[in-house]
């Protein structure tokens, strides 16, 4: 128990910060007078008082955080913030259960974009803004997690994902390094959001829609202010803008830093992971668009390319927007799109899934093993971006991929046992573990997750968290060895 108290002390400090951030929608609720002020004000008050109280009570246990503490802190952080973030939704909508409110908040913070709320068009502006702000905050939290925290914890081979930003060193003390990285990332992330906001406003959105969608687009969050998602706008300009910033958000932020630093787009093509993303994504879009046009799903090649391109970029990169009901497409096309969501997003990005670089490592080691079978004395080093991959790291990657897909299988069976059909259950797990949002069947883009039972929503919420925290971070806490001195 005493091992956890110093972590709770750190969590209480972050709780104070989170309550202060919640003042933004609270002030917005006050000025817009949309009826949500009481819900936000009460949540801020309770969170602030509770966090300050815990801070004072645990102050004498304060110590420097160790690497192993990171596992507990990351898990507690996401759950505690989701509970706090759910309170305004729960208090304002008394007909909504806390399970639903927690699902919505966790979906926002993990940038999943799955929703249980119907009637988004008539939702009070402050609540809509809060949902998108959760996407935005979660997106930045994920980047800090991906480029600073998880590599230090050595989760599933994440050492290789370490962004080449000055100050990141997995063997150094955590706090000062994360602080240096976070400052640069916050600035870059904020400027990218501003650029997305101005672009969407110029493309024809209202300033409020542009602000909300800019936050969820850059974070690959997928929340929208409308039930019909991006289809509501029926605008190729809006779709192209969102697709561009979605692609930007799915690429390793270290590559962005390098490209901007060198003032050259060639950096992206030289990055093996980014190059694989572009080739597979646009190759899949071309093939799927041609197929749907030939099958007369769309009347012209341009129309097929528009809808296939947007949805493949959005779902394939685990964002979650939709401008068409892809549930009506031939099943294998939709399933290929969901398969891509497991693989395409780069390490060090807001995207979910196993990450592109892990797939590259697995593929290259598989080729090496086949070569060794043919030539037993051959010596072949596996490299990614001219960097040799040690055997130990490859084993970590393989174990992560095995556990990842076993998690998909397990939770698919659990959802089927709870009453869902196979397509709905399987795509719900894929959509949640990759943080992509909508699935197929009962949770397709024409529907949402409101029709699921409380147990089914609870399972999906757990999968969201597992996917966002790279699975091992969560599972580690349930091993007896972790709690031994």
Protein backbone atom coordinates (compact mmCIF):
# COMPACT_ATOMS: atom_id res chain seq x y z
CA UNK A 1 0.00 0.00 0.00
CA UNK A 2 2.81 2.41 0.89
CA UNK A 3 4.29 1.85 -2.57
CA UNK A 4 1.12 3.32 -4.14
CA UNK A 5 0.76 6.39 -1.89
CA UNK A 6 3.61 8.39 -3.55
CA UNK A 7 1.96 7.69 -6.91
CA UNK A 8 -1.39 8.88 -5.53
CA UNK A 9 0.39 12.05 -4.41
CA UNK A 10 1.55 12.71 -7.98
CA UNK A 11 -1.93 11.86 -9.25
CA UNK A 12 -3.45 14.43 -6.87
CA UNK A 13 -1.23 17.15 -8.37
CA UNK A 14 -2.37 16.17 -11.84
CA UNK A 15 -5.95 16.17 -10.54
CA UNK A 16 -5.56 19.83 -9.55
CA UNK A 17 -4.31 20.58 -13.05
CA UNK A 18 -7.23 18.71 -14.62
CA UNK A 19 -9.75 20.61 -12.49
CA UNK A 20 -8.18 23.91 -13.59
CA UNK A 21 -8.42 22.83 -17.23
CA UNK A 22 -12.09 22.12 -16.61
CA UNK A 23 -12.56 25.80 -15.85
CA UNK A 24 -12.47 26.40 -19.63
CA UNK A 25 -15.83 24.68 -20.33
CA UNK A 26 -17.15 26.02 -17.01
CA UNK A 27 -16.55 29.61 -18.11
CA UNK A 28 -17.98 28.79 -21.53
CA UNK A 29 -21.11 27.40 -19.87
CA UNK A 30 -21.42 30.60 -17.86
CA UNK A 31 -21.18 32.92 -20.87
CA UNK A 32 -23.35 30.81 -23.19
CA UNK A 33 -25.97 30.14 -20.48
CA UNK A 34 -26.76 26.77 -22.07
CA UNK A 35 -27.77 25.15 -18.78
CA UNK A 36 -24.57 23.20 -18.13
CA UNK A 37 -22.86 25.62 -15.72
CA UNK A 38 -24.04 23.87 -12.56
CA UNK A 39 -22.80 20.45 -13.75
CA UNK A 40 -19.35 21.77 -14.62
CA UNK A 41 -19.02 24.02 -11.57
CA UNK A 42 -19.88 21.19 -9.17
CA UNK A 43 -17.44 18.84 -10.89
CA UNK A 44 -14.63 21.41 -10.75
CA UNK A 45 -15.32 22.08 -7.07
CA UNK A 46 -15.38 18.41 -6.07
CA UNK A 47 -12.31 17.54 -8.16
CA UNK A 48 -10.31 20.50 -6.90
CA UNK A 49 -11.17 20.01 -3.23
CA UNK A 50 -10.65 16.24 -3.44
CA UNK A 51 -7.29 16.57 -5.23
CA UNK A 52 -6.02 19.25 -2.83
CA UNK A 53 -7.05 17.18 0.19
CA UNK A 54 -5.26 14.07 -1.11
CA UNK A 55 -2.25 16.23 -2.02
CA UNK A 56 -1.95 17.50 1.56
CA UNK A 57 -2.58 14.11 3.19
CA UNK A 58 0.05 12.33 1.04
CA UNK A 59 2.67 15.09 1.03
CA UNK A 60 4.93 13.37 3.54
CA UNK A 61 5.18 10.33 1.24
CA UNK A 62 6.53 12.39 -1.66
CA UNK A 63 9.60 10.96 -3.40
CA UNK A 64 11.14 10.86 -6.85
CA UNK A 65 9.12 8.66 -9.18
CA UNK A 66 10.78 5.43 -10.24
CA UNK A 67 10.38 3.77 -13.62
CA UNK A 68 8.18 0.99 -12.23
CA UNK A 69 5.85 3.61 -10.75
CA UNK A 70 5.05 4.68 -14.30
CA UNK A 71 2.86 1.63 -14.90
CA UNK A 72 0.61 2.40 -11.95
CA UNK A 73 0.53 6.15 -12.59
CA UNK A 74 -0.43 5.84 -16.26
CA UNK A 75 -3.27 3.42 -15.47
CA UNK A 76 -4.60 5.45 -12.52
CA UNK A 77 -4.29 8.67 -14.48
CA UNK A 78 -6.51 7.58 -17.37
CA UNK A 79 -9.16 6.00 -15.12
CA UNK A 80 -9.30 8.88 -12.61
CA UNK A 81 -9.47 11.54 -15.31
CA UNK A 82 -12.21 9.61 -17.12
CA UNK A 83 -14.26 9.46 -13.92
CA UNK A 84 -13.88 13.20 -13.39
CA UNK A 85 -14.55 13.98 -17.06
CA UNK A 86 -17.72 11.87 -16.99
CA UNK A 87 -19.29 13.81 -14.11
CA UNK A 88 -20.49 16.91 -16.06
CA UNK A 89 -22.12 14.65 -18.66
CA UNK A 90 -23.73 12.51 -15.96
CA UNK A 91 -24.95 15.48 -13.89
CA UNK A 92 -26.42 17.33 -16.88
CA UNK A 93 -28.11 14.27 -18.39
CA UNK A 94 -29.92 12.52 -15.51
CA UNK A 95 -31.38 9.93 -17.89
CA UNK A 96 -27.86 8.74 -18.70
CA UNK A 97 -26.31 6.06 -16.50
CA UNK A 98 -22.83 6.61 -15.10
CA UNK A 99 -21.64 3.64 -17.20
CA UNK A 100 -22.69 5.57 -20.31
CA UNK A 101 -21.09 8.80 -19.09
CA UNK A 102 -17.86 6.97 -18.21
CA UNK A 103 -17.89 5.27 -21.62
CA UNK A 104 -18.22 8.66 -23.34
CA UNK A 105 -15.44 10.21 -21.26
CA UNK A 106 -13.07 7.27 -21.73
CA UNK A 107 -13.82 7.30 -25.45
CA UNK A 108 -12.91 10.99 -25.52
CA UNK A 109 -9.69 10.72 -23.52
CA UNK A 110 -8.46 7.65 -25.40
CA UNK A 111 -9.39 9.39 -28.69
CA UNK A 112 -11.61 6.47 -29.65
CA UNK A 113 -14.52 8.61 -30.81
CA UNK A 114 -17.21 6.01 -30.05
CA UNK A 115 -20.31 7.66 -28.60
CA UNK A 116 -23.46 6.64 -26.76
CA UNK A 117 -25.12 10.05 -27.17
CA UNK A 118 -27.83 10.54 -29.78
CA UNK A 119 -28.97 14.02 -30.81
CA UNK A 120 -25.50 15.59 -30.91
CA UNK A 121 -26.86 18.38 -33.13
CA UNK A 122 -29.04 19.61 -30.25
CA UNK A 123 -26.56 18.95 -27.44
CA UNK A 124 -25.62 22.10 -25.44
CA UNK A 125 -22.54 23.73 -27.04
CA UNK A 126 -20.49 23.43 -23.84
CA UNK A 127 -20.99 19.66 -23.59
CA UNK A 128 -20.08 19.26 -27.24
CA UNK A 129 -17.01 21.41 -26.70
CA UNK A 130 -16.05 19.36 -23.62
CA UNK A 131 -16.22 16.10 -25.58
CA UNK A 132 -13.87 17.52 -28.20
CA UNK A 133 -11.59 19.06 -25.59
CA UNK A 134 -11.25 15.57 -24.08
CA UNK A 135 -10.17 14.30 -27.49
CA UNK A 136 -7.60 17.08 -27.70
CA UNK A 137 -6.21 16.61 -24.19
CA UNK A 138 -6.12 12.84 -24.65
CA UNK A 139 -4.28 13.22 -27.95
CA UNK A 140 -1.51 15.24 -26.37
CA UNK A 141 -1.35 12.88 -23.41
CA UNK A 142 -0.93 9.99 -25.84
CA UNK A 143 1.96 11.69 -27.61
CA UNK A 144 3.79 12.34 -24.33
CA UNK A 145 3.05 8.74 -23.36
CA UNK A 146 4.34 7.41 -26.68
CA UNK A 147 7.55 9.41 -27.02
CA UNK A 148 8.58 9.89 -23.41
CA UNK A 149 6.99 7.48 -20.93
CA UNK A 150 6.45 4.09 -22.61
CA UNK A 151 9.97 3.92 -24.11
CA UNK A 152 11.36 4.37 -20.59
CA UNK A 153 9.12 1.58 -19.32
CA UNK A 154 10.21 -0.66 -22.20
CA UNK A 155 6.65 -1.69 -23.03
CA UNK A 156 6.42 -4.12 -25.93
CA UNK A 157 9.56 -2.95 -27.68
CA UNK A 158 8.70 0.75 -27.46
CA UNK A 159 12.38 1.61 -26.96
CA UNK A 160 12.68 1.68 -30.74
CA UNK A 161 9.90 4.27 -30.97
CA UNK A 162 11.90 6.81 -28.98
CA UNK A 163 11.49 10.11 -30.82
CA UNK A 164 14.80 11.65 -31.81
CA UNK A 165 14.09 14.86 -29.91
CA UNK A 166 16.80 16.32 -27.66
CA UNK A 167 16.10 15.37 -24.08
CA UNK A 168 14.52 11.96 -24.65
CA UNK A 169 16.62 9.22 -23.15
CA UNK A 170 15.05 6.09 -21.75
CA UNK A 171 17.98 5.53 -19.43
CA UNK A 172 17.80 8.96 -17.84
CA UNK A 173 15.66 10.24 -15.02
CA UNK A 174 12.08 10.67 -16.07
CA UNK A 175 10.79 14.05 -14.88
CA UNK A 176 13.18 16.57 -16.48
CA UNK A 177 13.20 14.68 -19.78
CA UNK A 178 9.42 14.50 -20.04
CA UNK A 179 9.22 18.19 -19.20
CA UNK A 180 11.55 19.10 -22.06
CA UNK A 181 9.75 16.91 -24.55
CA UNK A 182 6.27 17.99 -23.44
CA UNK A 183 7.01 21.70 -23.92
CA UNK A 184 8.05 21.18 -27.53
CA UNK A 185 5.16 18.84 -28.23
CA UNK A 186 2.54 21.15 -26.70
CA UNK A 187 3.71 24.07 -28.81
CA UNK A 188 3.78 22.04 -32.01
CA UNK A 189 0.45 20.37 -31.21
CA UNK A 190 -1.24 23.71 -30.45
CA UNK A 191 0.05 25.33 -33.65
CA UNK A 192 -1.16 22.33 -35.68
CA UNK A 193 -4.61 22.62 -34.06
CA UNK A 194 -4.73 26.32 -34.88
CA UNK A 195 -3.84 25.56 -38.50
CA UNK A 196 -6.60 22.92 -38.64
CA UNK A 197 -9.12 25.35 -37.12
CA UNK A 198 -8.36 28.09 -39.66
CA UNK A 199 -8.40 25.60 -42.54
CA UNK A 200 -11.77 24.11 -41.54
CA UNK A 201 -13.27 27.57 -41.04
CA UNK A 202 -12.02 28.55 -44.48
CA UNK A 203 -13.47 25.29 -45.90
CA UNK A 204 -16.95 26.35 -44.81
CA UNK A 205 -17.52 25.22 -41.21
CA UNK A 206 -18.88 27.60 -38.58
CA UNK A 207 -16.26 28.80 -36.09
CA UNK A 208 -17.67 26.47 -33.40
CA UNK A 209 -17.73 23.39 -35.65
CA UNK A 210 -14.26 24.29 -36.94
CA UNK A 211 -12.85 24.57 -33.41
CA UNK A 212 -14.39 21.30 -32.22
CA UNK A 213 -13.42 19.33 -35.31
CA UNK A 214 -9.91 20.81 -35.33
CA UNK A 215 -9.36 19.45 -31.80
CA UNK A 216 -10.72 16.00 -32.61
CA UNK A 217 -9.03 15.80 -36.03
CA UNK A 218 -5.50 16.61 -34.89
CA UNK A 219 -5.92 14.18 -31.97
CA UNK A 220 -7.35 11.47 -34.27
CA UNK A 221 -10.30 11.55 -31.89
CA UNK A 222 -13.30 11.17 -34.19
CA UNK A 223 -15.88 13.02 -32.09
CA UNK A 224 -18.22 15.24 -34.10
CA UNK A 225 -20.83 17.86 -33.23
CA UNK A 226 -23.35 16.10 -35.49
CA UNK A 227 -24.95 12.65 -35.51
CA UNK A 228 -24.09 12.27 -39.20
CA UNK A 229 -20.42 13.03 -38.50
CA UNK A 230 -18.65 14.61 -41.50
CA UNK A 231 -21.48 13.52 -43.84
CA UNK A 232 -23.48 16.38 -42.27
CA UNK A 233 -21.38 18.95 -44.15
CA UNK A 234 -21.39 17.16 -47.53
CA UNK A 235 -18.31 19.17 -48.47
CA UNK A 236 -15.29 17.83 -50.40
CA UNK A 237 -13.25 20.78 -49.08
CA UNK A 238 -14.03 19.89 -45.44
CA UNK A 239 -13.32 16.21 -46.10
CA UNK A 240 -10.00 16.95 -47.82
CA UNK A 241 -8.92 19.21 -44.94
CA UNK A 242 -9.78 16.62 -42.30
CA UNK A 243 -8.10 13.85 -44.32
CA UNK A 244 -4.90 15.90 -44.60
CA UNK A 245 -4.69 16.67 -40.88
CA UNK A 246 -5.63 13.08 -40.02
CA UNK A 247 -2.69 11.88 -42.10
CA UNK A 248 -0.52 14.45 -40.37
CA UNK A 249 -1.60 13.19 -36.93
CA UNK A 250 -0.88 9.55 -37.81
CA UNK A 251 2.78 10.20 -38.65
CA UNK A 252 5.49 10.08 -35.98
CA UNK A 253 5.88 13.56 -34.48
CA UNK A 254 9.65 13.07 -34.56
CA UNK A 255 9.37 12.95 -38.36
CA UNK A 256 7.45 16.23 -38.30
CA UNK A 257 10.15 17.84 -36.16
CA UNK A 258 12.82 16.54 -38.51
CA UNK A 259 10.94 17.68 -41.64
CA UNK A 260 10.33 21.16 -40.26
CA UNK A 261 13.89 21.39 -38.96
CA UNK A 262 15.36 20.41 -42.33
CA UNK A 263 12.63 22.24 -44.26
CA UNK A 264 12.22 19.26 -46.55
CA UNK A 265 9.37 16.85 -47.28
CA UNK A 266 11.92 14.22 -48.29
CA UNK A 267 12.25 13.34 -44.59
CA UNK A 268 8.85 11.64 -44.70
CA UNK A 269 9.74 9.45 -47.66
CA UNK A 270 13.12 8.52 -46.17
CA UNK A 271 11.37 7.33 -43.00
CA UNK A 272 10.68 3.65 -43.68
CA UNK A 273 7.63 3.59 -41.40
CA UNK A 274 6.06 6.66 -43.01
CA UNK A 275 6.81 5.37 -46.49
CA UNK A 276 5.09 2.06 -45.71
CA UNK A 277 2.05 3.94 -44.37
CA UNK A 278 1.69 6.00 -47.56
CA UNK A 279 2.21 3.08 -49.94
CA UNK A 280 -0.20 0.68 -48.22
CA UNK A 281 -2.85 3.32 -47.50
CA UNK A 282 -3.02 4.86 -50.97
CA UNK A 283 -2.64 1.49 -52.67
CA UNK A 284 -5.63 0.21 -50.66
CA UNK A 285 -7.67 3.33 -51.45
CA UNK A 286 -7.03 2.98 -55.19
CA UNK A 287 -7.91 -0.73 -55.26
CA UNK A 288 -11.04 -0.36 -53.08
CA UNK A 289 -12.32 2.67 -55.01
CA UNK A 290 -11.88 0.85 -58.32
CA UNK A 291 -13.67 -2.22 -56.97
CA UNK A 292 -16.64 -0.27 -55.56
CA UNK A 293 -17.00 1.65 -58.82
CA UNK A 294 -16.96 -1.58 -60.84
CA UNK A 295 -19.55 -3.08 -58.46
CA UNK A 296 -21.68 0.05 -59.07
CA UNK A 297 -21.71 0.98 -55.39
CA UNK A 298 -20.73 4.44 -56.68
CA UNK A 299 -21.64 5.73 -60.12
CA UNK A 300 -18.35 7.46 -60.98
CA UNK A 301 -14.66 6.83 -60.18
CA UNK A 302 -14.45 10.32 -58.64
CA UNK A 303 -17.33 9.61 -56.26
CA UNK A 304 -15.83 6.25 -55.28
CA UNK A 305 -12.43 7.84 -54.68
CA UNK A 306 -13.95 10.61 -52.55
CA UNK A 307 -15.83 8.32 -50.15
CA UNK A 308 -13.35 5.44 -50.09
CA UNK A 309 -10.41 7.81 -49.68
CA UNK A 310 -11.90 9.70 -46.74
CA UNK A 311 -13.11 6.64 -44.83
CA UNK A 312 -9.94 4.61 -45.42
CA UNK A 313 -7.85 7.51 -44.14
CA UNK A 314 -10.15 8.09 -41.18
CA UNK A 315 -10.76 4.49 -40.07
CA UNK A 316 -7.47 3.08 -41.39
CA UNK A 317 -5.56 5.64 -39.32
CA UNK A 318 -7.83 5.13 -36.28
CA UNK A 319 -9.48 8.55 -36.32
CA UNK A 320 -13.18 7.66 -36.54
CA UNK A 321 -14.92 10.20 -38.76
CA UNK A 322 -17.22 9.01 -41.53
CA UNK A 323 -18.74 10.69 -44.57
CA UNK A 324 -20.63 7.59 -45.78
CA UNK A 325 -22.22 4.46 -44.34
CA UNK A 326 -19.39 2.03 -45.06
CA UNK A 327 -21.50 -0.65 -43.40
CA UNK A 328 -23.32 -0.98 -46.73
CA UNK A 329 -20.09 -1.69 -48.65
CA UNK A 330 -19.10 -5.28 -49.51
CA UNK A 331 -17.96 -6.81 -46.23
CA UNK A 332 -14.41 -7.64 -47.26
CA UNK A 333 -13.74 -4.00 -48.25
CA UNK A 334 -14.92 -2.75 -44.85
CA UNK A 335 -13.00 -5.48 -43.02
CA UNK A 336 -9.80 -4.62 -44.92
CA UNK A 337 -10.22 -1.02 -43.77
CA UNK A 338 -10.48 -2.20 -40.15
CA UNK A 339 -7.50 -4.50 -40.66
CA UNK A 340 -5.45 -1.48 -41.73
CA UNK A 341 -6.43 0.36 -38.54
CA UNK A 342 -4.41 -2.24 -36.62
CA UNK A 343 -1.23 -1.63 -38.61
CA UNK A 344 -0.93 1.73 -40.34
CA UNK A 345 -0.49 4.43 -37.68
CA UNK A 346 3.14 5.29 -36.96
CA UNK A 347 4.83 5.02 -33.59
CA UNK A 348 5.02 8.34 -31.77
CA UNK A 349 1.67 9.42 -33.21
CA UNK A 350 -1.89 9.62 -31.87
CA UNK A 351 -2.86 6.52 -33.86
CA UNK A 352 -3.74 3.19 -32.28
CA UNK A 353 -3.16 -0.47 -33.11
CA UNK A 354 0.12 -2.35 -33.02
CA UNK A 355 1.85 0.52 -34.88
CA UNK A 356 3.49 0.36 -38.28
CA UNK A 357 7.03 -0.15 -37.04
CA UNK A 358 6.10 -3.28 -35.08
CA UNK A 359 4.55 -4.76 -38.22
CA UNK A 360 7.72 -3.88 -40.13
CA UNK A 361 9.93 -5.57 -37.54
CA UNK A 362 7.76 -8.70 -37.50
CA UNK A 363 7.72 -8.85 -41.30
CA UNK A 364 11.49 -8.41 -41.63
CA UNK A 365 12.29 -10.99 -38.94
CA UNK A 366 9.93 -13.45 -40.64
CA UNK A 367 11.79 -12.94 -43.93
CA UNK A 368 15.10 -13.41 -42.10
CA UNK A 369 13.93 -16.71 -40.59
CA UNK A 370 12.94 -18.00 -44.04
CA UNK A 371 16.37 -16.99 -45.39
CA UNK A 372 18.11 -18.82 -42.53
CA UNK A 373 16.03 -21.94 -43.23
CA UNK A 374 17.35 -21.92 -46.80
CA UNK A 375 20.88 -20.86 -45.83
CA UNK A 376 21.60 -22.00 -42.23
CA UNK A 377 25.01 -20.30 -42.14
CA UNK A 378 23.75 -16.97 -43.40
CA UNK A 379 24.20 -13.94 -41.15
CA UNK A 380 21.52 -11.33 -41.74
CA UNK A 381 20.90 -8.26 -39.60
CA UNK A 382 17.41 -6.79 -39.49
CA UNK A 383 17.32 -3.01 -39.79
CA UNK A 384 14.59 -0.38 -39.70
CA UNK A 385 15.62 3.08 -40.88
CA UNK A 386 19.23 1.85 -41.01
CA UNK A 387 19.07 0.97 -37.32
CA UNK A 388 19.80 -2.60 -36.27
CA UNK A 389 17.04 -4.27 -34.28
CA UNK A 390 18.38 -6.43 -31.41
CA UNK A 391 16.94 -9.91 -30.91
CA UNK A 392 15.62 -8.94 -27.48
CA UNK A 393 13.65 -6.05 -28.93
CA UNK A 394 12.26 -8.27 -31.68
CA UNK A 395 11.06 -10.75 -29.06
CA UNK A 396 9.32 -7.91 -27.20
CA UNK A 397 7.60 -6.86 -30.42
CA UNK A 398 6.48 -10.40 -31.20
CA UNK A 399 5.16 -10.92 -27.67
CA UNK A 400 3.22 -7.65 -27.89
CA UNK A 401 1.64 -8.57 -31.22
CA UNK A 402 0.69 -12.01 -29.87
CA UNK A 403 -0.92 -10.52 -26.74
CA UNK A 404 -2.62 -7.83 -28.86
CA UNK A 405 -4.38 -10.27 -31.15
CA UNK A 406 -5.19 -12.66 -28.31
CA UNK A 407 -6.88 -9.70 -26.60
CA UNK A 408 -8.93 -9.15 -29.77
CA UNK A 409 -9.94 -12.82 -29.82
CA UNK A 410 -10.79 -12.97 -26.10
CA UNK A 411 -12.94 -9.83 -26.04
CA UNK A 412 -14.66 -10.79 -29.31
CA UNK A 413 -15.76 -14.05 -27.69
CA UNK A 414 -16.85 -12.20 -24.54
CA UNK A 415 -18.99 -9.77 -26.55
CA UNK A 416 -20.50 -12.63 -28.55
CA UNK A 417 -21.25 -14.46 -25.30
CA UNK A 418 -23.05 -11.31 -24.12
CA UNK A 419 -25.39 -11.46 -27.11
CA UNK A 420 -23.76 -9.59 -30.00
CA UNK A 421 -23.42 -11.10 -33.47
CA UNK A 422 -19.93 -11.89 -34.76
CA UNK A 423 -19.49 -8.88 -37.08
CA UNK A 424 -20.65 -6.39 -34.44
CA UNK A 425 -18.57 -8.00 -31.67
CA UNK A 426 -15.40 -8.39 -33.73
CA UNK A 427 -15.45 -4.89 -35.23
CA UNK A 428 -16.37 -3.36 -31.85
CA UNK A 429 -13.20 -4.85 -30.36
CA UNK A 430 -11.10 -3.75 -33.34
CA UNK A 431 -12.62 -0.26 -33.26
CA UNK A 432 -11.99 0.07 -29.52
CA UNK A 433 -8.51 -1.45 -29.30
CA UNK A 434 -7.30 0.66 -32.24
CA UNK A 435 -9.30 3.64 -30.91
CA UNK A 436 -10.97 4.00 -34.32
CA UNK A 437 -14.55 4.51 -33.04
CA UNK A 438 -17.35 3.17 -35.25
CA UNK A 439 -17.52 -0.46 -36.33
CA UNK A 440 -19.95 -2.52 -38.39
CA UNK A 441 -23.36 -4.04 -37.70
CA UNK A 442 -25.11 -2.56 -34.67
CA UNK A 443 -22.29 -0.06 -34.08
CA UNK A 444 -21.81 1.04 -37.70
CA UNK A 445 -21.51 4.69 -38.77
CA UNK A 446 -25.30 4.92 -39.12
CA UNK A 447 -25.68 3.96 -35.42
CA UNK A 448 -23.69 4.33 -32.18
CA UNK A 449 -22.89 2.34 -29.04
CA UNK A 450 -26.06 3.37 -27.16
CA UNK A 451 -27.81 0.10 -28.01
CA UNK A 452 -25.25 -2.04 -26.17
CA UNK A 453 -25.91 -3.33 -22.67
CA UNK A 454 -24.02 -2.02 -19.65
CA UNK A 455 -21.82 -5.16 -19.63
CA UNK A 456 -21.01 -4.75 -23.33
CA UNK A 457 -20.17 -1.07 -22.85
CA UNK A 458 -17.96 -2.00 -19.90
CA UNK A 459 -16.07 -4.53 -22.01
CA UNK A 460 -15.62 -1.99 -24.82
CA UNK A 461 -14.37 0.60 -22.30
CA UNK A 462 -11.79 -1.86 -20.99
CA UNK A 463 -10.62 -2.57 -24.55
CA UNK A 464 -10.27 1.18 -25.25
CA UNK A 465 -7.98 1.52 -22.24
CA UNK A 466 -5.98 -1.60 -23.10
CA UNK A 467 -5.45 -0.39 -26.66
CA UNK A 468 -4.46 3.12 -25.67
CA UNK A 469 -2.04 2.08 -22.92
CA UNK A 470 -0.32 -0.58 -25.07
CA UNK A 471 -1.83 -3.56 -23.15
CA UNK A 472 1.33 -4.51 -21.22
CA UNK A 473 1.10 -1.30 -19.18
CA UNK A 474 -2.25 -2.52 -17.83
CA UNK A 475 -1.54 -6.24 -17.63
CA UNK A 476 1.69 -5.61 -15.71
CA UNK A 477 -0.36 -4.38 -12.75
CA UNK A 478 -2.07 -7.77 -12.43
CA UNK A 479 1.13 -9.79 -12.08
CA UNK A 480 2.28 -10.80 -8.57
CA UNK A 481 5.90 -9.98 -9.47
CA UNK A 482 5.04 -6.30 -9.96
CA UNK A 483 3.86 -5.90 -6.36
CA UNK A 484 6.82 -7.69 -4.77
CA UNK A 485 9.54 -5.53 -3.26
